[in-house]
């Protein structure tokens, strides 16, 4: 599920709910969102495992096709 509220510039973060945290590398999380696997770098994102939510910059969510 995607949560986008209001207008955001490209540096603001949005909340994305993920289905599964598949694994962690030295630099990123691999999560499954809407059946697709995506890497998100630690340096750009924050994750909340208990809520199955990750906060990512708008530019990154757009680049991955997760928001229009």
N, C-alpha and C. Protein backbone atom coordinates (compact mmCIF):
# COMPACT_ATOMS: atom_id res chain seq x y z
N UNK A 1 0.85 -1.17 0.00
CA UNK A 1 0.00 0.00 0.00
C UNK A 1 0.90 1.24 0.00
N UNK A 2 0.48 2.24 -0.71
CA UNK A 2 1.22 3.50 -0.80
C UNK A 2 0.44 4.59 -0.08
N UNK A 3 1.12 5.38 0.70
CA UNK A 3 0.49 6.51 1.36
C UNK A 3 1.16 7.78 0.89
N UNK A 4 0.44 8.57 0.14
CA UNK A 4 0.95 9.87 -0.32
C UNK A 4 -0.12 10.89 0.04
N UNK A 5 0.25 11.83 0.90
CA UNK A 5 -0.71 12.83 1.34
C UNK A 5 -0.18 14.20 0.99
N UNK A 6 -0.96 14.98 0.27
CA UNK A 6 -0.56 16.34 -0.07
C UNK A 6 0.51 16.39 -1.15
N UNK A 7 1.12 17.56 -1.28
CA UNK A 7 2.17 17.75 -2.27
C UNK A 7 3.53 17.57 -1.62
N UNK A 8 4.42 16.98 -2.35
CA UNK A 8 5.76 16.73 -1.87
C UNK A 8 6.76 17.22 -2.89
N UNK A 9 7.90 17.71 -2.40
CA UNK A 9 8.98 17.96 -3.34
C UNK A 9 9.81 16.68 -3.38
N UNK A 10 10.78 16.62 -4.25
CA UNK A 10 11.51 15.37 -4.47
C UNK A 10 12.34 14.92 -3.28
N UNK A 11 12.67 15.81 -2.36
CA UNK A 11 13.49 15.43 -1.22
C UNK A 11 12.68 14.97 -0.02
N UNK A 12 11.40 15.28 0.00
CA UNK A 12 10.56 14.86 1.11
C UNK A 12 10.32 13.37 1.05
N UNK A 13 10.12 12.76 2.22
CA UNK A 13 9.93 11.31 2.27
C UNK A 13 8.45 10.96 2.34
N UNK A 14 8.12 9.84 1.74
CA UNK A 14 6.76 9.31 1.80
C UNK A 14 6.81 7.93 2.45
N UNK A 15 5.68 7.52 2.98
CA UNK A 15 5.57 6.22 3.62
C UNK A 15 5.08 5.19 2.62
N UNK A 16 5.80 4.08 2.53
CA UNK A 16 5.37 2.95 1.71
C UNK A 16 5.25 1.74 2.63
N UNK A 17 4.15 1.04 2.55
CA UNK A 17 3.99 -0.18 3.33
C UNK A 17 4.47 -1.34 2.48
N UNK A 18 5.25 -2.22 3.09
CA UNK A 18 5.79 -3.35 2.35
C UNK A 18 5.20 -4.66 2.88
N UNK A 19 5.27 -5.68 2.03
CA UNK A 19 4.74 -6.99 2.40
C UNK A 19 5.75 -7.82 3.17
N UNK A 20 7.03 -7.70 2.78
CA UNK A 20 8.06 -8.50 3.42
C UNK A 20 9.41 -7.80 3.34
N UNK A 21 10.16 -7.92 4.42
CA UNK A 21 11.56 -7.52 4.42
C UNK A 21 12.33 -8.79 4.08
N UNK A 22 12.86 -8.84 2.87
CA UNK A 22 13.47 -10.07 2.37
C UNK A 22 14.87 -10.26 2.93
N UNK A 23 15.68 -9.21 2.88
CA UNK A 23 17.03 -9.30 3.45
C UNK A 23 17.65 -7.92 3.55
N UNK A 24 18.77 -7.88 4.25
CA UNK A 24 19.56 -6.67 4.37
C UNK A 24 20.95 -6.94 3.79
N UNK A 25 21.48 -5.99 3.06
CA UNK A 25 22.86 -6.07 2.59
C UNK A 25 23.68 -5.12 3.46
N UNK A 26 24.92 -4.88 3.09
CA UNK A 26 25.73 -3.93 3.83
C UNK A 26 25.25 -2.49 3.64
N UNK A 27 24.47 -2.24 2.57
CA UNK A 27 24.09 -0.87 2.25
C UNK A 27 22.60 -0.64 2.06
N UNK A 28 21.78 -1.71 2.03
CA UNK A 28 20.38 -1.51 1.68
C UNK A 28 19.48 -2.62 2.21
N UNK A 29 18.18 -2.30 2.26
CA UNK A 29 17.15 -3.30 2.54
C UNK A 29 16.56 -3.76 1.21
N UNK A 30 16.21 -5.02 1.13
CA UNK A 30 15.45 -5.55 0.00
C UNK A 30 14.06 -5.87 0.54
N UNK A 31 13.06 -5.13 0.04
CA UNK A 31 11.69 -5.34 0.49
C UNK A 31 10.78 -5.67 -0.69
N UNK A 32 9.67 -6.31 -0.37
CA UNK A 32 8.66 -6.63 -1.38
C UNK A 32 7.49 -5.69 -1.20
N UNK A 33 7.15 -4.98 -2.28
CA UNK A 33 6.02 -4.06 -2.31
C UNK A 33 5.16 -4.41 -3.51
N UNK A 34 3.90 -4.70 -3.27
CA UNK A 34 2.96 -5.07 -4.34
C UNK A 34 3.52 -6.20 -5.20
N UNK A 35 4.14 -7.18 -4.56
CA UNK A 35 4.65 -8.35 -5.26
C UNK A 35 5.98 -8.16 -5.96
N UNK A 36 6.54 -6.96 -5.93
CA UNK A 36 7.82 -6.68 -6.59
C UNK A 36 8.89 -6.40 -5.56
N UNK A 37 10.13 -6.83 -5.86
CA UNK A 37 11.25 -6.62 -4.95
C UNK A 37 11.98 -5.33 -5.30
N UNK A 38 12.31 -4.56 -4.25
CA UNK A 38 12.99 -3.27 -4.43
C UNK A 38 14.06 -3.12 -3.36
N UNK A 39 15.24 -2.64 -3.78
CA UNK A 39 16.29 -2.27 -2.84
C UNK A 39 16.13 -0.81 -2.45
N UNK A 40 16.32 -0.51 -1.15
CA UNK A 40 16.28 0.85 -0.65
C UNK A 40 17.53 1.09 0.20
N UNK A 41 18.34 2.08 -0.15
CA UNK A 41 19.60 2.32 0.57
C UNK A 41 19.37 2.88 1.98
N UNK A 42 20.20 2.40 2.91
CA UNK A 42 20.14 2.89 4.29
C UNK A 42 20.34 4.40 4.34
N UNK A 43 21.20 4.91 3.47
CA UNK A 43 21.55 6.33 3.50
C UNK A 43 20.39 7.26 3.12
N UNK A 44 19.39 6.73 2.43
CA UNK A 44 18.28 7.56 1.95
C UNK A 44 16.94 7.26 2.64
N UNK A 45 16.85 6.11 3.31
CA UNK A 45 15.55 5.63 3.78
C UNK A 45 15.56 5.27 5.25
N UNK A 46 14.37 5.18 5.83
CA UNK A 46 14.17 4.73 7.21
C UNK A 46 13.13 3.63 7.18
N UNK A 47 13.36 2.59 7.96
CA UNK A 47 12.42 1.47 7.96
C UNK A 47 11.90 1.23 9.37
N UNK A 48 10.65 0.83 9.46
CA UNK A 48 10.00 0.50 10.72
C UNK A 48 9.44 -0.91 10.57
N UNK A 49 10.24 -1.88 11.01
CA UNK A 49 9.90 -3.29 10.78
C UNK A 49 8.59 -3.70 11.44
N UNK A 50 8.31 -3.21 12.65
CA UNK A 50 7.07 -3.61 13.34
C UNK A 50 5.83 -3.15 12.58
N UNK A 51 5.92 -2.02 11.89
CA UNK A 51 4.79 -1.48 11.13
C UNK A 51 4.82 -1.89 9.66
N UNK A 52 5.90 -2.60 9.26
CA UNK A 52 6.09 -2.95 7.85
C UNK A 52 5.98 -1.71 6.96
N UNK A 53 6.71 -0.67 7.35
CA UNK A 53 6.68 0.59 6.62
C UNK A 53 8.10 1.09 6.39
N UNK A 54 8.30 1.70 5.23
CA UNK A 54 9.57 2.30 4.90
C UNK A 54 9.31 3.71 4.39
N UNK A 55 10.13 4.64 4.82
CA UNK A 55 10.02 6.03 4.38
C UNK A 55 11.13 6.30 3.38
N UNK A 56 10.73 6.72 2.19
CA UNK A 56 11.69 6.91 1.09
C UNK A 56 11.50 8.29 0.47
N UNK A 57 12.57 8.88 -0.08
CA UNK A 57 12.41 10.16 -0.76
C UNK A 57 11.49 10.02 -1.98
N UNK A 58 10.73 11.06 -2.23
CA UNK A 58 9.81 11.04 -3.37
C UNK A 58 10.53 10.71 -4.67
N UNK A 59 11.72 11.29 -4.90
CA UNK A 59 12.44 11.04 -6.16
C UNK A 59 12.75 9.56 -6.33
N UNK A 60 13.06 8.86 -5.23
CA UNK A 60 13.38 7.44 -5.32
C UNK A 60 12.13 6.61 -5.57
N UNK A 61 11.04 6.96 -4.91
CA UNK A 61 9.77 6.25 -5.14
C UNK A 61 9.32 6.42 -6.59
N UNK A 62 9.49 7.63 -7.14
CA UNK A 62 9.14 7.86 -8.54
C UNK A 62 10.04 7.06 -9.48
N UNK A 63 11.33 7.05 -9.18
CA UNK A 63 12.30 6.33 -10.01
C UNK A 63 11.97 4.84 -10.07
N UNK A 64 11.47 4.29 -8.97
CA UNK A 64 11.12 2.88 -8.91
C UNK A 64 9.70 2.61 -9.41
N UNK A 65 8.97 3.65 -9.79
CA UNK A 65 7.61 3.48 -10.30
C UNK A 65 6.59 3.18 -9.23
N UNK A 66 6.87 3.57 -7.98
CA UNK A 66 5.97 3.28 -6.88
C UNK A 66 4.94 4.37 -6.63
N UNK A 67 5.14 5.54 -7.23
CA UNK A 67 4.18 6.63 -7.17
C UNK A 67 4.10 7.26 -8.56
N UNK A 68 2.95 7.86 -8.86
CA UNK A 68 2.82 8.49 -10.20
C UNK A 68 3.66 9.74 -10.35
